[in-house]
């Protein structure tokens, strides 16, 4: 634990993390989070990240969350870091565990930081799998299923997994939203998924629609891309057995427009 805390900033409620509090996350894993990419001290969609934390806190804990308090702790943990990095804000209560999940929650704020990769990132190959996250519209801590599917995809020679409903509708990626280019327009799958902040920002940048996209139709799309706060817009080069072009001008334009967003000062 000591070595981990020395390699990255780890704070709970504005103070160095206590190992006993962190152990609660490993033992019960009840909570929710958001991750934000910081570029030169600014965050794209900062207000959307705060709104999601407030909303999910009501869903997970039936408790109110003060976004100003969250921002204060986040700024403290990020102080002194420069360039590009990712801040993860986790909301949990170390007093709630397997024996008392019904207890009244007092939200604690865990803030961690890590380095961010350069954008744009290389294209992805993804393996379609029938899978739906538990409570898909909440960014919760239950990552076992997602990581299990990602691990299986990597072992099979892909970069990640693409989740598909039992009826064949495409949902989302392991930790990202997926978009398609169909008839030179942007289409987001209409299926149960976590609506990401980056996808919301892109919807404001470029006209788009939400429509069902079936996995047996992806061979006919013009292009596909993955998107989240850490990767921005990342082309998808292969879905299962279908190779896709990675140089579609609309995907390139989305990536360029997203990277050009200055964001809000953290």
C-alpha atoms as a PDB file:
ATOM      1  CA  UNK A   1       0.000   0.000   0.000  1.00  0.00           C
ATOM      2  CA  UNK A   2       2.803   2.406   0.882  1.00  0.00           C
ATOM      3  CA  UNK A   3       4.510   1.852  -2.463  1.00  0.00           C
ATOM      4  CA  UNK A   4       1.235   2.405  -4.319  1.00  0.00           C
ATOM      5  CA  UNK A   5       0.594   5.713  -2.565  1.00  0.00           C
ATOM      6  CA  UNK A   6       4.108   6.891  -3.403  1.00  0.00           C
ATOM      7  CA  UNK A   7       3.650   6.324  -7.144  1.00  0.00           C
ATOM      8  CA  UNK A   8       0.382   8.226  -7.494  1.00  0.00           C
ATOM      9  CA  UNK A   9      -1.652  10.684  -5.453  1.00  0.00           C
ATOM     10  CA  UNK A  10      -4.295   8.935  -3.339  1.00  0.00           C
ATOM     11  CA  UNK A  11      -6.463  11.021  -1.020  1.00  0.00           C
ATOM     12  CA  UNK A  12      -9.757  10.530   0.817  1.00  0.00           C
ATOM     13  CA  UNK A  13     -11.722  13.613   1.810  1.00  0.00           C
ATOM     14  CA  UNK A  14      -8.702  15.822   1.163  1.00  0.00           C
ATOM     15  CA  UNK A  15      -6.208  13.848   3.268  1.00  0.00           C
ATOM     16  CA  UNK A  16      -3.760  10.992   2.570  1.00  0.00           C
ATOM     17  CA  UNK A  17      -5.702   7.756   2.181  1.00  0.00           C
ATOM     18  CA  UNK A  18      -5.972   5.452   5.177  1.00  0.00           C
ATOM     19  CA  UNK A  19      -5.287   1.797   4.260  1.00  0.00           C
ATOM     20  CA  UNK A  20      -8.273   0.607   6.297  1.00  0.00           C
ATOM     21  CA  UNK A  21     -10.604   2.835   4.294  1.00  0.00           C
ATOM     22  CA  UNK A  22      -9.124   1.575   1.029  1.00  0.00           C
ATOM     23  CA  UNK A  23      -9.573  -2.004   2.217  1.00  0.00           C
ATOM     24  CA  UNK A  24     -13.322  -1.408   2.321  1.00  0.00           C
ATOM     25  CA  UNK A  25     -13.292  -0.913  -1.451  1.00  0.00           C
ATOM     26  CA  UNK A  26     -11.478  -4.192  -1.996  1.00  0.00           C
ATOM     27  CA  UNK A  27     -13.787  -6.119   0.344  1.00  0.00           C
ATOM     28  CA  UNK A  28     -17.197  -4.770  -0.678  1.00  0.00           C
ATOM     29  CA  UNK A  29     -16.746  -2.669  -3.839  1.00  0.00           C
ATOM     30  CA  UNK A  30     -19.903  -0.602  -3.297  1.00  0.00           C
ATOM     31  CA  UNK A  31     -19.684   2.831  -4.881  1.00  0.00           C
ATOM     32  CA  UNK A  32     -19.444   4.793  -8.105  1.00  0.00           C
ATOM     33  CA  UNK A  33     -16.910   6.990  -9.858  1.00  0.00           C
ATOM     34  CA  UNK A  34     -16.008   9.244 -12.739  1.00  0.00           C
ATOM     35  CA  UNK A  35     -12.702   9.684 -14.553  1.00  0.00           C
ATOM     36  CA  UNK A  36     -11.642  13.003 -16.051  1.00  0.00           C
ATOM     37  CA  UNK A  37      -8.743  13.769 -18.360  1.00  0.00           C
ATOM     38  CA  UNK A  38      -6.904  16.957 -17.420  1.00  0.00           C
ATOM     39  CA  UNK A  39      -4.959  18.742 -20.161  1.00  0.00           C
ATOM     40  CA  UNK A  40      -2.983  21.790 -19.070  1.00  0.00           C
ATOM     41  CA  UNK A  41      -5.195  22.267 -16.034  1.00  0.00           C
ATOM     42  CA  UNK A  42      -8.511  22.039 -17.895  1.00  0.00           C
ATOM     43  CA  UNK A  43     -11.213  19.349 -18.110  1.00  0.00           C
ATOM     44  CA  UNK A  44     -13.588  18.864 -21.019  1.00  0.00           C
ATOM     45  CA  UNK A  45     -17.122  18.517 -19.627  1.00  0.00           C
ATOM     46  CA  UNK A  46     -16.206  19.198 -15.997  1.00  0.00           C
ATOM     47  CA  UNK A  47     -19.780  20.176 -15.134  1.00  0.00           C
ATOM     48  CA  UNK A  48     -21.105  16.988 -16.746  1.00  0.00           C
ATOM     49  CA  UNK A  49     -18.760  14.877 -14.627  1.00  0.00           C
ATOM     50  CA  UNK A  50     -20.002  16.593 -11.463  1.00  0.00           C
ATOM     51  CA  UNK A  51     -23.641  16.131 -12.463  1.00  0.00           C
ATOM     52  CA  UNK A  52     -23.043  12.438 -13.042  1.00  0.00           C
ATOM     53  CA  UNK A  53     -21.476  12.015  -9.602  1.00  0.00           C
ATOM     54  CA  UNK A  54     -24.424  13.758  -7.955  1.00  0.00           C
ATOM     55  CA  UNK A  55     -26.942  11.689  -9.936  1.00  0.00           C
ATOM     56  CA  UNK A  56     -25.209   8.359  -9.307  1.00  0.00           C
ATOM     57  CA  UNK A  57     -24.835   9.093  -5.594  1.00  0.00           C
ATOM     58  CA  UNK A  58     -28.604   9.350  -5.375  1.00  0.00           C
ATOM     59  CA  UNK A  59     -29.000   6.053  -7.238  1.00  0.00           C
ATOM     60  CA  UNK A  60     -26.312   4.061  -5.393  1.00  0.00           C
ATOM     61  CA  UNK A  61     -26.541   5.502  -1.882  1.00  0.00           C
ATOM     62  CA  UNK A  62     -29.796   7.493  -1.818  1.00  0.00           C
ATOM     63  CA  UNK A  63     -27.640  10.371  -0.574  1.00  0.00           C
ATOM     64  CA  UNK A  64     -26.865  13.925  -1.628  1.00  0.00           C
ATOM     65  CA  UNK A  65     -23.379  14.833  -2.819  1.00  0.00           C
ATOM     66  CA  UNK A  66     -21.937  18.348  -2.692  1.00  0.00           C
ATOM     67  CA  UNK A  67     -20.137  18.982  -6.017  1.00  0.00           C
ATOM     68  CA  UNK A  68     -18.214  21.936  -4.553  1.00  0.00           C
ATOM     69  CA  UNK A  69     -16.771  19.630  -1.891  1.00  0.00           C
ATOM     70  CA  UNK A  70     -15.819  17.118  -4.573  1.00  0.00           C
ATOM     71  CA  UNK A  71     -14.103  19.805  -6.635  1.00  0.00           C
ATOM     72  CA  UNK A  72     -12.168  21.082  -3.632  1.00  0.00           C
ATOM     73  CA  UNK A  73     -10.781  17.616  -2.895  1.00  0.00           C
ATOM     74  CA  UNK A  74     -10.038  17.038  -6.573  1.00  0.00           C
ATOM     75  CA  UNK A  75      -8.123  20.281  -6.940  1.00  0.00           C
ATOM     76  CA  UNK A  76      -6.084  19.456  -3.873  1.00  0.00           C
ATOM     77  CA  UNK A  77      -5.136  16.012  -5.170  1.00  0.00           C
ATOM     78  CA  UNK A  78      -4.292  17.377  -8.626  1.00  0.00           C
ATOM     79  CA  UNK A  79      -2.236  20.307  -7.336  1.00  0.00           C
ATOM     80  CA  UNK A  80       1.248  20.415  -8.788  1.00  0.00           C
ATOM     81  CA  UNK A  81       0.567  18.036 -11.674  1.00  0.00           C
ATOM     82  CA  UNK A  82       1.146  19.398 -15.168  1.00  0.00           C
ATOM     83  CA  UNK A  83       0.603  18.223 -18.724  1.00  0.00           C
ATOM     84  CA  UNK A  84      -1.951  15.479 -19.367  1.00  0.00           C
ATOM     85  CA  UNK A  85      -3.223  13.184 -16.622  1.00  0.00           C
ATOM     86  CA  UNK A  86      -6.393  11.420 -15.519  1.00  0.00           C
ATOM     87  CA  UNK A  87      -8.173  12.124 -12.249  1.00  0.00           C
ATOM     88  CA  UNK A  88     -10.512   9.456 -10.938  1.00  0.00           C
ATOM     89  CA  UNK A  89     -13.083  10.453  -8.320  1.00  0.00           C
ATOM     90  CA  UNK A  90     -14.584   7.517  -6.422  1.00  0.00           C
ATOM     91  CA  UNK A  91     -17.566   7.939  -4.097  1.00  0.00           C
ATOM     92  CA  UNK A  92     -17.957   5.285  -1.389  1.00  0.00           C
ATOM     93  CA  UNK A  93     -18.567   4.808   2.332  1.00  0.00           C
ATOM     94  CA  UNK A  94     -15.968   2.670   4.167  1.00  0.00           C
ATOM     95  CA  UNK A  95     -18.542   1.962   6.902  1.00  0.00           C
ATOM     96  CA  UNK A  96     -20.828   0.123   4.450  1.00  0.00           C
ATOM     97  CA  UNK A  97     -19.972  -3.479   3.645  1.00  0.00           C
ATOM     98  CA  UNK A  98     -21.357  -6.952   3.115  1.00  0.00           C
ATOM     99  CA  UNK A  99     -23.006  -7.071   6.534  1.00  0.00           C
ATOM    100  CA  UNK A 100     -24.810  -3.733   6.319  1.00  0.00           C
ATOM    101  CA  UNK A 101     -25.416  -2.598   2.723  1.00  0.00           C
ATOM    102  CA  UNK A 102     -28.667  -0.980   3.883  1.00  0.00           C
ATOM    103  CA  UNK A 103     -26.914   1.453   6.269  1.00  0.00           C
ATOM    104  CA  UNK A 104     -27.366   5.169   5.800  1.00  0.00           C
ATOM    105  CA  UNK A 105     -24.432   6.364   3.703  1.00  0.00           C
ATOM    106  CA  UNK A 106     -21.988   9.150   4.408  1.00  0.00           C
ATOM    107  CA  UNK A 107     -20.275   9.650   1.044  1.00  0.00           C
ATOM    108  CA  UNK A 108     -16.468   9.714   1.147  1.00  0.00           C
ATOM    109  CA  UNK A 109     -14.460  11.084  -1.763  1.00  0.00           C
ATOM    110  CA  UNK A 110     -11.435   9.122  -2.964  1.00  0.00           C
ATOM    111  CA  UNK A 111      -9.318  10.984  -5.531  1.00  0.00           C
ATOM    112  CA  UNK A 112      -6.492   9.328  -7.455  1.00  0.00           C
ATOM    113  CA  UNK A 113      -4.373  10.540 -10.359  1.00  0.00           C
ATOM    114  CA  UNK A 114      -2.450   8.757 -13.097  1.00  0.00           C
ATOM    115  CA  UNK A 115      -0.652   9.661 -16.293  1.00  0.00           C
ATOM    116  CA  UNK A 116      -2.679  10.016 -19.519  1.00  0.00           C
ATOM    117  CA  UNK A 117      -1.683   8.726 -22.928  1.00  0.00           C
ATOM    118  CA  UNK A 118      -1.241  10.984 -25.923  1.00  0.00           C
ATOM    119  CA  UNK A 119      -4.158  11.619 -28.291  1.00  0.00           C
ATOM    120  CA  UNK A 120      -5.025  10.553 -30.934  1.00  0.00           C
ATOM    121  CA  UNK A 121      -4.566   6.873 -30.112  1.00  0.00           C
ATOM    122  CA  UNK A 122      -4.123   3.999 -32.587  1.00  0.00           C
ATOM    123  CA  UNK A 123      -7.185   2.144 -33.923  1.00  0.00           C
ATOM    124  CA  UNK A 124      -8.809  -0.669 -31.947  1.00  0.00           C
ATOM    125  CA  UNK A 125      -9.830  -4.198 -32.797  1.00  0.00           C
ATOM    126  CA  UNK A 126     -12.805  -5.379 -30.732  1.00  0.00           C
ATOM    127  CA  UNK A 127     -14.413  -8.721 -30.018  1.00  0.00           C
ATOM    128  CA  UNK A 128     -18.236  -8.790 -29.884  1.00  0.00           C
ATOM    129  CA  UNK A 129     -19.615 -10.576 -26.808  1.00  0.00           C
ATOM    130  CA  UNK A 130     -23.133 -10.946 -25.453  1.00  0.00           C
ATOM    131  CA  UNK A 131     -22.938  -9.077 -22.163  1.00  0.00           C
ATOM    132  CA  UNK A 132     -24.711  -6.282 -20.276  1.00  0.00           C
ATOM    133  CA  UNK A 133     -23.277  -4.455 -17.270  1.00  0.00           C
ATOM    134  CA  UNK A 134     -25.275  -4.509 -14.049  1.00  0.00           C
ATOM    135  CA  UNK A 135     -27.278  -1.237 -13.864  1.00  0.00           C
ATOM    136  CA  UNK A 136     -25.713  -0.089 -17.143  1.00  0.00           C
ATOM    137  CA  UNK A 137     -26.631   3.598 -16.813  1.00  0.00           C
ATOM    138  CA  UNK A 138     -24.540   3.997 -13.605  1.00  0.00           C
ATOM    139  CA  UNK A 139     -20.747   4.269 -13.586  1.00  0.00           C
ATOM    140  CA  UNK A 140     -20.384   1.974 -10.596  1.00  0.00           C
ATOM    141  CA  UNK A 141     -17.448   0.038  -9.177  1.00  0.00           C
ATOM    142  CA  UNK A 142     -18.612  -3.396 -10.331  1.00  0.00           C
ATOM    143  CA  UNK A 143     -15.888  -3.858 -12.945  1.00  0.00           C
ATOM    144  CA  UNK A 144     -15.351  -7.618 -12.679  1.00  0.00           C
ATOM    145  CA  UNK A 145     -17.537  -8.539 -15.639  1.00  0.00           C
ATOM    146  CA  UNK A 146     -16.095  -5.839 -17.893  1.00  0.00           C
ATOM    147  CA  UNK A 147     -12.491  -6.718 -17.093  1.00  0.00           C
ATOM    148  CA  UNK A 148     -13.195 -10.423 -17.507  1.00  0.00           C
ATOM    149  CA  UNK A 149     -14.536  -9.761 -20.995  1.00  0.00           C
ATOM    150  CA  UNK A 150     -11.615  -7.458 -21.811  1.00  0.00           C
ATOM    151  CA  UNK A 151      -9.143 -10.103 -20.637  1.00  0.00           C
ATOM    152  CA  UNK A 152     -10.804 -12.758 -22.797  1.00  0.00           C
ATOM    153  CA  UNK A 153     -10.731 -10.417 -25.808  1.00  0.00           C
ATOM    154  CA  UNK A 154      -7.032  -9.678 -25.321  1.00  0.00           C
ATOM    155  CA  UNK A 155      -6.229 -13.370 -24.996  1.00  0.00           C
ATOM    156  CA  UNK A 156      -8.132 -13.951 -28.247  1.00  0.00           C
ATOM    157  CA  UNK A 157      -5.992 -11.391 -30.082  1.00  0.00           C
ATOM    158  CA  UNK A 158      -8.259  -8.328 -29.856  1.00  0.00           C
ATOM    159  CA  UNK A 159      -7.733  -5.024 -28.039  1.00  0.00           C
ATOM    160  CA  UNK A 160     -11.045  -4.967 -26.155  1.00  0.00           C
ATOM    161  CA  UNK A 161     -14.608  -6.286 -25.985  1.00  0.00           C
ATOM    162  CA  UNK A 162     -17.742  -4.827 -27.568  1.00  0.00           C
ATOM    163  CA  UNK A 163     -20.914  -5.618 -25.626  1.00  0.00           C
ATOM    164  CA  UNK A 164     -23.989  -6.857 -27.473  1.00  0.00           C
ATOM    165  CA  UNK A 165     -27.524  -7.509 -26.219  1.00  0.00           C
ATOM    166  CA  UNK A 166     -28.992 -11.025 -26.565  1.00  0.00           C
ATOM    167  CA  UNK A 167     -31.194  -9.670 -29.374  1.00  0.00           C
ATOM    168  CA  UNK A 168     -28.108  -8.549 -31.326  1.00  0.00           C
ATOM    169  CA  UNK A 169     -28.137  -4.823 -30.565  1.00  0.00           C
ATOM    170  CA  UNK A 170     -24.729  -3.253 -29.992  1.00  0.00           C
ATOM    171  CA  UNK A 171     -24.497  -1.537 -26.563  1.00  0.00           C
ATOM    172  CA  UNK A 172     -21.068  -0.196 -25.591  1.00  0.00           C
ATOM    173  CA  UNK A 173     -17.433  -1.106 -25.117  1.00  0.00           C
ATOM    174  CA  UNK A 174     -15.695  -2.270 -21.992  1.00  0.00           C
ATOM    175  CA  UNK A 175     -15.115   1.249 -20.653  1.00  0.00           C
ATOM    176  CA  UNK A 176     -16.163   3.375 -23.616  1.00  0.00           C
ATOM    177  CA  UNK A 177     -19.065   4.333 -25.833  1.00  0.00           C
ATOM    178  CA  UNK A 178     -19.177   3.266 -29.452  1.00  0.00           C
ATOM    179  CA  UNK A 179     -20.322   5.355 -32.399  1.00  0.00           C
ATOM    180  CA  UNK A 180     -20.844   4.507 -36.059  1.00  0.00           C
ATOM    181  CA  UNK A 181     -20.791   6.357 -39.353  1.00  0.00           C
ATOM    182  CA  UNK A 182     -23.793   5.328 -41.468  1.00  0.00           C
ATOM    183  CA  UNK A 183     -24.619   7.129 -44.728  1.00  0.00           C
ATOM    184  CA  UNK A 184     -22.119   9.849 -43.765  1.00  0.00           C
ATOM    185  CA  UNK A 185     -23.863  10.590 -40.459  1.00  0.00           C
ATOM    186  CA  UNK A 186     -23.052   9.756 -36.836  1.00  0.00           C
ATOM    187  CA  UNK A 187     -25.204   7.068 -35.231  1.00  0.00           C
ATOM    188  CA  UNK A 188     -25.077   6.121 -31.534  1.00  0.00           C
ATOM    189  CA  UNK A 189     -26.524   2.713 -30.617  1.00  0.00           C
ATOM    190  CA  UNK A 190     -29.944   2.820 -28.999  1.00  0.00           C
ATOM    191  CA  UNK A 191     -29.399   0.179 -26.315  1.00  0.00           C
ATOM    192  CA  UNK A 192     -28.787  -0.039 -22.535  1.00  0.00           C
ATOM    193  CA  UNK A 193     -25.422   1.573 -21.779  1.00  0.00           C
ATOM    194  CA  UNK A 194     -23.623   4.221 -19.766  1.00  0.00           C
ATOM    195  CA  UNK A 195     -24.010   7.560 -21.526  1.00  0.00           C
ATOM    196  CA  UNK A 196     -20.484   8.921 -21.361  1.00  0.00           C
ATOM    197  CA  UNK A 197     -19.475  12.543 -20.879  1.00  0.00           C
ATOM    198  CA  UNK A 198     -17.276  12.475 -23.984  1.00  0.00           C
ATOM    199  CA  UNK A 199     -20.130  11.085 -26.087  1.00  0.00           C
ATOM    200  CA  UNK A 200     -22.410  13.845 -24.756  1.00  0.00           C
ATOM    201  CA  UNK A 201     -19.868  16.487 -25.743  1.00  0.00           C
ATOM    202  CA  UNK A 202     -19.568  14.991 -29.227  1.00  0.00           C
ATOM    203  CA  UNK A 203     -23.346  15.058 -29.631  1.00  0.00           C
ATOM    204  CA  UNK A 204     -23.207  18.809 -29.096  1.00  0.00           C
ATOM    205  CA  UNK A 205     -20.337  19.194 -31.555  1.00  0.00           C
ATOM    206  CA  UNK A 206     -21.895  17.256 -34.418  1.00  0.00           C
ATOM    207  CA  UNK A 207     -25.472  16.293 -35.378  1.00  0.00           C
ATOM    208  CA  UNK A 208     -26.222  12.651 -34.639  1.00  0.00           C
ATOM    209  CA  UNK A 209     -29.025  10.191 -34.040  1.00  0.00           C
ATOM    210  CA  UNK A 210     -29.631   7.269 -31.697  1.00  0.00           C
ATOM    211  CA  UNK A 211     -30.753   4.158 -33.530  1.00  0.00           C
ATOM    212  CA  UNK A 212     -30.530   0.417 -32.941  1.00  0.00           C
ATOM    213  CA  UNK A 213     -27.376  -0.997 -34.525  1.00  0.00           C
ATOM    214  CA  UNK A 214     -27.296  -4.770 -34.830  1.00  0.00           C
ATOM    215  CA  UNK A 215     -24.044  -6.678 -34.669  1.00  0.00           C
ATOM    216  CA  UNK A 216     -24.902  -8.416 -37.953  1.00  0.00           C
ATOM    217  CA  UNK A 217     -25.051  -4.979 -39.602  1.00  0.00           C
ATOM    218  CA  UNK A 218     -21.613  -3.675 -38.642  1.00  0.00           C
ATOM    219  CA  UNK A 219     -20.016  -5.019 -41.800  1.00  0.00           C
ATOM    220  CA  UNK A 220     -22.038  -2.451 -43.761  1.00  0.00           C
ATOM    221  CA  UNK A 221     -21.192   0.665 -41.708  1.00  0.00           C
ATOM    222  CA  UNK A 222     -18.705   3.164 -43.120  1.00  0.00           C
ATOM    223  CA  UNK A 223     -16.696   3.488 -39.923  1.00  0.00           C
ATOM    224  CA  UNK A 224     -16.796   3.002 -36.161  1.00  0.00           C
ATOM    225  CA  UNK A 225     -15.086   4.661 -33.227  1.00  0.00           C
ATOM    226  CA  UNK A 226     -14.659   4.356 -29.467  1.00  0.00           C
ATOM    227  CA  UNK A 227     -14.819   7.330 -27.160  1.00  0.00           C
ATOM    228  CA  UNK A 228     -14.206   8.172 -23.516  1.00  0.00           C
ATOM    229  CA  UNK A 229     -12.453  10.861 -21.507  1.00  0.00           C
ATOM    230  CA  UNK A 230      -9.012   9.246 -21.633  1.00  0.00           C
ATOM    231  CA  UNK A 231      -8.905   8.334 -25.323  1.00  0.00           C
ATOM    232  CA  UNK A 232     -11.027  11.046 -26.925  1.00  0.00           C
ATOM    233  CA  UNK A 233     -12.097   9.638 -30.288  1.00  0.00           C
ATOM    234  CA  UNK A 234     -10.375   6.389 -31.293  1.00  0.00           C
ATOM    235  CA  UNK A 235     -11.115   4.653 -34.619  1.00  0.00           C
ATOM    236  CA  UNK A 236     -12.117   0.990 -34.594  1.00  0.00           C
ATOM    237  CA  UNK A 237     -10.348  -1.008 -37.296  1.00  0.00           C
ATOM    238  CA  UNK A 238     -12.009  -4.375 -36.769  1.00  0.00           C
ATOM    239  CA  UNK A 239     -15.195  -5.708 -35.180  1.00  0.00           C
ATOM    240  CA  UNK A 240     -15.036  -9.468 -34.979  1.00  0.00           C
ATOM    241  CA  UNK A 241     -14.338 -10.672 -38.533  1.00  0.00           C
ATOM    242  CA  UNK A 242     -15.191  -7.324 -40.145  1.00  0.00           C
ATOM    243  CA  UNK A 243     -12.394  -4.930 -41.093  1.00  0.00           C
ATOM    244  CA  UNK A 244     -13.366  -1.259 -41.126  1.00  0.00           C
ATOM    245  CA  UNK A 245     -11.644   1.801 -42.618  1.00  0.00           C
ATOM    246  CA  UNK A 246      -9.860   3.933 -40.025  1.00  0.00           C
ATOM    247  CA  UNK A 247      -9.443   7.101 -42.102  1.00  0.00           C
ATOM    248  CA  UNK A 248     -13.054   8.194 -42.563  1.00  0.00           C
ATOM    249  CA  UNK A 249     -13.088  12.021 -42.648  1.00  0.00           C
ATOM    250  CA  UNK A 250     -16.042  12.291 -40.273  1.00  0.00           C
ATOM    251  CA  UNK A 251     -14.267  10.288 -37.552  1.00  0.00           C
ATOM    252  CA  UNK A 252     -11.116  12.374 -38.084  1.00  0.00           C
ATOM    253  CA  UNK A 253     -13.174  15.562 -37.816  1.00  0.00           C
ATOM    254  CA  UNK A 254     -14.835  14.427 -34.577  1.00  0.00           C
ATOM    255  CA  UNK A 255     -11.454  13.687 -33.046  1.00  0.00           C
ATOM    256  CA  UNK A 256     -10.024  17.014 -34.112  1.00  0.00           C
ATOM    257  CA  UNK A 257     -13.027  18.981 -32.844  1.00  0.00           C
ATOM    258  CA  UNK A 258     -12.975  17.146 -29.521  1.00  0.00           C
ATOM    259  CA  UNK A 259      -9.259  17.768 -28.979  1.00  0.00           C
ATOM    260  CA  UNK A 260      -9.812  21.432 -29.797  1.00  0.00           C
ATOM    261  CA  UNK A 261     -12.239  21.856 -26.884  1.00  0.00           C
ATOM    262  CA  UNK A 262     -10.462  23.906 -24.229  1.00  0.00           C
ATOM    263  CA  UNK A 263     -12.608  22.578 -21.399  1.00  0.00           C
ATOM    264  CA  UNK A 264     -13.118  24.174 -18.002  1.00  0.00           C
ATOM    265  CA  UNK A 265     -10.461  25.092 -15.494  1.00  0.00           C
ATOM    266  CA  UNK A 266     -10.156  22.455 -12.788  1.00  0.00           C
END
